[in-house]
């Protein structure tokens, strides 16, 4: 398995959640994790979103 394929699979499966983006309306961030690829919670007005859930 080459590095490129490994990285591609890793991105498809997800990674630990990142902090939510700040925004007036709240933003969904790309917080995906593990094989479940759960999304992070939406950010509250002017506050960062919660970290994405970690997959099992």
PDB file of N, CA and C in Angstrom:
ATOM      1  N   UNK A   1       0.859  -1.202   0.000  1.00  0.00           N
ATOM      2  CA  UNK A   1       0.000   0.000   0.000  1.00  0.00           C
ATOM      3  C   UNK A   1       0.891   1.248   0.000  1.00  0.00           C
ATOM      4  N   UNK A   2       0.713   2.070  -0.995  1.00  0.00           N
ATOM      5  CA  UNK A   2       1.556   3.260  -1.088  1.00  0.00           C
ATOM      6  C   UNK A   2       1.080   4.336  -0.125  1.00  0.00           C
ATOM      7  N   UNK A   3       1.925   5.314   0.094  1.00  0.00           N
ATOM      8  CA  UNK A   3       1.568   6.416   0.986  1.00  0.00           C
ATOM      9  C   UNK A   3       0.331   7.140   0.505  1.00  0.00           C
ATOM     10  N   UNK A   4       0.252   7.360  -0.808  1.00  0.00           N
ATOM     11  CA  UNK A   4      -0.874   8.119  -1.367  1.00  0.00           C
ATOM     12  C   UNK A   4      -2.192   7.409  -1.082  1.00  0.00           C
ATOM     13  N   UNK A   5      -2.225   6.091  -1.313  1.00  0.00           N
ATOM     14  CA  UNK A   5      -3.455   5.330  -1.067  1.00  0.00           C
ATOM     15  C   UNK A   5      -3.782   5.341   0.423  1.00  0.00           C
ATOM     16  N   UNK A   6      -2.757   5.176   1.259  1.00  0.00           N
ATOM     17  CA  UNK A   6      -2.973   5.159   2.704  1.00  0.00           C
ATOM     18  C   UNK A   6      -3.572   6.477   3.174  1.00  0.00           C
ATOM     19  N   UNK A   7      -3.009   7.577   2.701  1.00  0.00           N
ATOM     20  CA  UNK A   7      -3.510   8.897   3.093  1.00  0.00           C
ATOM     21  C   UNK A   7      -4.931   9.084   2.589  1.00  0.00           C
ATOM     22  N   UNK A   8      -5.189   8.621   1.356  1.00  0.00           N
ATOM     23  CA  UNK A   8      -6.531   8.761   0.786  1.00  0.00           C
ATOM     24  C   UNK A   8      -7.544   7.982   1.625  1.00  0.00           C
ATOM     25  N   UNK A   9      -7.197   6.730   1.990  1.00  0.00           N
ATOM     26  CA  UNK A   9      -8.102   5.926   2.825  1.00  0.00           C
ATOM     27  C   UNK A   9      -8.295   6.594   4.179  1.00  0.00           C
ATOM     28  N   UNK A  10      -7.204   7.144   4.727  1.00  0.00           N
ATOM     29  CA  UNK A  10      -7.273   7.799   6.030  1.00  0.00           C
ATOM     30  C   UNK A  10      -8.241   8.970   5.985  1.00  0.00           C
ATOM     31  N   UNK A  11      -8.184   9.744   4.897  1.00  0.00           N
ATOM     32  CA  UNK A  11      -9.077  10.892   4.773  1.00  0.00           C
ATOM     33  C   UNK A  11     -10.516  10.442   4.584  1.00  0.00           C
ATOM     34  N   UNK A  12     -10.719   9.329   3.867  1.00  0.00           N
ATOM     35  CA  UNK A  12     -12.076   8.836   3.645  1.00  0.00           C
ATOM     36  C   UNK A  12     -12.669   8.300   4.948  1.00  0.00           C
ATOM     37  N   UNK A  13     -11.848   7.583   5.722  1.00  0.00           N
ATOM     38  CA  UNK A  13     -12.344   7.002   6.967  1.00  0.00           C
ATOM     39  C   UNK A  13     -12.576   8.080   8.016  1.00  0.00           C
ATOM     40  N   UNK A  14     -11.832   9.141   7.910  1.00  0.00           N
ATOM     41  CA  UNK A  14     -12.011  10.222   8.873  1.00  0.00           C
ATOM     42  C   UNK A  14     -10.792  10.397   9.756  1.00  0.00           C
ATOM     43  N   UNK A  15     -10.809  11.430  10.531  1.00  0.00           N
ATOM     44  CA  UNK A  15      -9.712  11.744  11.437  1.00  0.00           C
ATOM     45  C   UNK A  15     -10.302  12.423  12.666  1.00  0.00           C
ATOM     46  N   UNK A  16      -9.511  12.611  13.722  1.00  0.00           N
ATOM     47  CA  UNK A  16     -10.057  13.251  14.920  1.00  0.00           C
ATOM     48  C   UNK A  16     -10.699  14.591  14.595  1.00  0.00           C
ATOM     49  N   UNK A  17     -11.760  14.916  15.290  1.00  0.00           N
ATOM     50  CA  UNK A  17     -12.494  16.159  15.015  1.00  0.00           C
ATOM     51  C   UNK A  17     -11.636  17.392  15.250  1.00  0.00           C
ATOM     52  N   UNK A  18     -11.833  18.374  14.409  1.00  0.00           N
ATOM     53  CA  UNK A  18     -11.146  19.648  14.574  1.00  0.00           C
ATOM     54  C   UNK A  18     -12.098  20.635  15.229  1.00  0.00           C
ATOM     55  N   UNK A  19     -11.571  21.682  15.859  1.00  0.00           N
ATOM     56  CA  UNK A  19     -12.454  22.670  16.470  1.00  0.00           C
ATOM     57  C   UNK A  19     -13.404  23.270  15.441  1.00  0.00           C
ATOM     58  N   UNK A  20     -14.605  23.559  15.859  1.00  0.00           N
ATOM     59  CA  UNK A  20     -15.589  24.149  14.941  1.00  0.00           C
ATOM     60  C   UNK A  20     -15.170  25.563  14.543  1.00  0.00           C
ATOM     61  N   UNK A  21     -15.616  25.970  13.371  1.00  0.00           N
ATOM     62  CA  UNK A  21     -15.319  27.322  12.915  1.00  0.00           C
ATOM     63  C   UNK A  21     -16.214  28.321  13.634  1.00  0.00           C
ATOM     64  N   UNK A  22     -15.673  29.500  13.889  1.00  0.00           N
ATOM     65  CA  UNK A  22     -16.485  30.540  14.516  1.00  0.00           C
ATOM     66  C   UNK A  22     -17.346  31.212  13.456  1.00  0.00           C
ATOM     67  N   UNK A  23     -18.561  31.559  13.831  1.00  0.00           N
ATOM     68  CA  UNK A  23     -19.429  32.219  12.861  1.00  0.00           C
ATOM     69  C   UNK A  23     -20.689  32.726  13.543  1.00  0.00           C
ATOM     70  N   UNK A  24     -21.313  33.733  12.967  1.00  0.00           N
ATOM     71  CA  UNK A  24     -22.509  34.321  13.573  1.00  0.00           C
ATOM     72  C   UNK A  24     -23.656  33.315  13.611  1.00  0.00           C
ATOM     73  N   UNK A  25     -23.771  32.519  12.547  1.00  0.00           N
ATOM     74  CA  UNK A  25     -24.866  31.562  12.475  1.00  0.00           C
ATOM     75  C   UNK A  25     -24.444  30.189  12.989  1.00  0.00           C
ATOM     76  N   UNK A  26     -23.176  30.052  13.330  1.00  0.00           N
ATOM     77  CA  UNK A  26     -22.697  28.738  13.737  1.00  0.00           C
ATOM     78  C   UNK A  26     -22.301  27.946  12.506  1.00  0.00           C
ATOM     79  N   UNK A  27     -21.218  27.256  12.588  1.00  0.00           N
ATOM     80  CA  UNK A  27     -20.727  26.532  11.420  1.00  0.00           C
ATOM     81  C   UNK A  27     -20.527  25.059  11.737  1.00  0.00           C
ATOM     82  N   UNK A  28     -20.831  24.214  10.774  1.00  0.00           N
ATOM     83  CA  UNK A  28     -20.471  22.797  10.898  1.00  0.00           C
ATOM     84  C   UNK A  28     -19.033  22.691  10.447  1.00  0.00           C
ATOM     85  N   UNK A  29     -18.219  22.033  11.255  1.00  0.00           N
ATOM     86  CA  UNK A  29     -16.837  21.861  10.823  1.00  0.00           C
ATOM     87  C   UNK A  29     -16.672  20.462  10.251  1.00  0.00           C
ATOM     88  N   UNK A  30     -15.501  20.193   9.712  1.00  0.00           N
ATOM     89  CA  UNK A  30     -15.254  18.900   9.079  1.00  0.00           C
ATOM     90  C   UNK A  30     -14.670  17.932  10.104  1.00  0.00           C
ATOM     91  N   UNK A  31     -15.238  17.927  11.296  1.00  0.00           N
ATOM     92  CA  UNK A  31     -14.727  17.048  12.343  1.00  0.00           C
ATOM     93  C   UNK A  31     -15.231  15.633  12.147  1.00  0.00           C
ATOM     94  N   UNK A  32     -14.449  14.813  11.422  1.00  0.00           N
ATOM     95  CA  UNK A  32     -14.811  13.416  11.242  1.00  0.00           C
ATOM     96  C   UNK A  32     -13.762  12.580  11.940  1.00  0.00           C
ATOM     97  N   UNK A  33     -14.140  11.433  12.426  1.00  0.00           N
ATOM     98  CA  UNK A  33     -13.187  10.644  13.188  1.00  0.00           C
ATOM     99  C   UNK A  33     -13.441   9.157  13.038  1.00  0.00           C
ATOM    100  N   UNK A  34     -12.369   8.402  13.096  1.00  0.00           N
ATOM    101  CA  UNK A  34     -12.480   6.951  13.035  1.00  0.00           C
ATOM    102  C   UNK A  34     -13.212   6.468  11.797  1.00  0.00           C
ATOM    103  N   UNK A  35     -13.773   5.269  11.861  1.00  0.00           N
ATOM    104  CA  UNK A  35     -14.463   4.709  10.712  1.00  0.00           C
ATOM    105  C   UNK A  35     -15.899   5.206  10.638  1.00  0.00           C
ATOM    106  N   UNK A  36     -16.409   5.711  11.759  1.00  0.00           N
ATOM    107  CA  UNK A  36     -17.789   6.180  11.783  1.00  0.00           C
ATOM    108  C   UNK A  36     -17.911   7.524  11.065  1.00  0.00           C
ATOM    109  N   UNK A  37     -16.847   8.325  11.091  1.00  0.00           N
ATOM    110  CA  UNK A  37     -16.869   9.621  10.402  1.00  0.00           C
ATOM    111  C   UNK A  37     -17.966  10.536  10.924  1.00  0.00           C
ATOM    112  N   UNK A  38     -18.090  10.611  12.257  1.00  0.00           N
ATOM    113  CA  UNK A  38     -19.118  11.479  12.848  1.00  0.00           C
ATOM    114  C   UNK A  38     -18.743  12.949  12.649  1.00  0.00           C
ATOM    115  N   UNK A  39     -19.729  13.775  12.415  1.00  0.00           N
ATOM    116  CA  UNK A  39     -19.472  15.210  12.272  1.00  0.00           C
ATOM    117  C   UNK A  39     -19.421  15.864  13.653  1.00  0.00           C
ATOM    118  N   UNK A  40     -18.698  16.978  13.707  1.00  0.00           N
ATOM    119  CA  UNK A  40     -18.690  17.750  14.947  1.00  0.00           C
ATOM    120  C   UNK A  40     -20.015  18.468  15.112  1.00  0.00           C
ATOM    121  N   UNK A  41     -20.274  18.943  16.318  1.00  0.00           N
ATOM    122  CA  UNK A  41     -21.501  19.687  16.571  1.00  0.00           C
ATOM    123  C   UNK A  41     -21.404  21.068  15.933  1.00  0.00           C
ATOM    124  N   UNK A  42     -22.533  21.654  15.542  1.00  0.00           N
ATOM    125  CA  UNK A  42     -22.497  22.988  14.947  1.00  0.00           C
ATOM    126  C   UNK A  42     -22.065  24.028  15.979  1.00  0.00           C
ATOM    127  N   UNK A  43     -21.339  25.044  15.509  1.00  0.00           N
ATOM    128  CA  UNK A  43     -20.899  26.090  16.430  1.00  0.00           C
ATOM    129  C   UNK A  43     -22.065  26.975  16.830  1.00  0.00           C
ATOM    130  N   UNK A  44     -22.056  27.417  18.079  1.00  0.00           N
ATOM    131  CA  UNK A  44     -23.071  28.368  18.526  1.00  0.00           C
ATOM    132  C   UNK A  44     -22.676  29.754  18.021  1.00  0.00           C
ATOM    133  N   UNK A  45     -23.608  30.701  18.012  1.00  0.00           N
ATOM    134  CA  UNK A  45     -23.285  32.043  17.521  1.00  0.00           C
ATOM    135  C   UNK A  45     -22.056  32.627  18.222  1.00  0.00           C
ATOM    136  N   UNK A  46     -21.028  32.930  17.446  1.00  0.00           N
ATOM    137  CA  UNK A  46     -19.821  33.555  17.987  1.00  0.00           C
ATOM    138  C   UNK A  46     -18.951  32.610  18.804  1.00  0.00           C
ATOM    139  N   UNK A  47     -19.320  31.311  18.865  1.00  0.00           N
ATOM    140  CA  UNK A  47     -18.536  30.360  19.643  1.00  0.00           C
ATOM    141  C   UNK A  47     -18.062  29.231  18.742  1.00  0.00           C
ATOM    142  N   UNK A  48     -16.940  28.597  19.088  1.00  0.00           N
ATOM    143  CA  UNK A  48     -16.446  27.488  18.282  1.00  0.00           C
ATOM    144  C   UNK A  48     -17.318  26.248  18.452  1.00  0.00           C
ATOM    145  N   UNK A  49     -17.381  25.432  17.433  1.00  0.00           N
ATOM    146  CA  UNK A  49     -18.143  24.185  17.518  1.00  0.00           C
ATOM    147  C   UNK A  49     -17.410  23.181  18.400  1.00  0.00           C
ATOM    148  N   UNK A  50     -18.139  22.178  18.858  1.00  0.00           N
ATOM    149  CA  UNK A  50     -17.537  21.131  19.678  1.00  0.00           C
ATOM    150  C   UNK A  50     -16.687  20.222  18.792  1.00  0.00           C
ATOM    151  N   UNK A  51     -15.715  19.530  19.372  1.00  0.00           N
ATOM    152  CA  UNK A  51     -14.894  18.611  18.593  1.00  0.00           C
ATOM    153  C   UNK A  51     -15.742  17.487  18.006  1.00  0.00           C
ATOM    154  N   UNK A  52     -15.309  16.950  16.876  1.00  0.00           N
ATOM    155  CA  UNK A  52     -16.025  15.823  16.272  1.00  0.00           C
ATOM    156  C   UNK A  52     -15.928  14.594  17.172  1.00  0.00           C
ATOM    157  N   UNK A  53     -16.915  13.717  17.078  1.00  0.00           N
ATOM    158  CA  UNK A  53     -16.897  12.493  17.865  1.00  0.00           C
ATOM    159  C   UNK A  53     -15.844  11.549  17.314  1.00  0.00           C
ATOM    160  N   UNK A  54     -15.247  10.783  18.198  1.00  0.00           N
ATOM    161  CA  UNK A  54     -14.220   9.843  17.758  1.00  0.00           C
ATOM    162  C   UNK A  54     -14.866   8.508  17.393  1.00  0.00           C
ATOM    163  N   UNK A  55     -14.478   7.987  16.250  1.00  0.00           N
ATOM    164  CA  UNK A  55     -15.008   6.690  15.822  1.00  0.00           C
ATOM    165  C   UNK A  55     -14.382   5.562  16.623  1.00  0.00           C
ATOM    166  N   UNK A  56     -15.028   4.417  16.630  1.00  0.00           N
ATOM    167  CA  UNK A  56     -14.529   3.273  17.395  1.00  0.00           C
ATOM    168  C   UNK A  56     -13.516   2.500  16.545  1.00  0.00           C
TER     169      UNK A  56
END
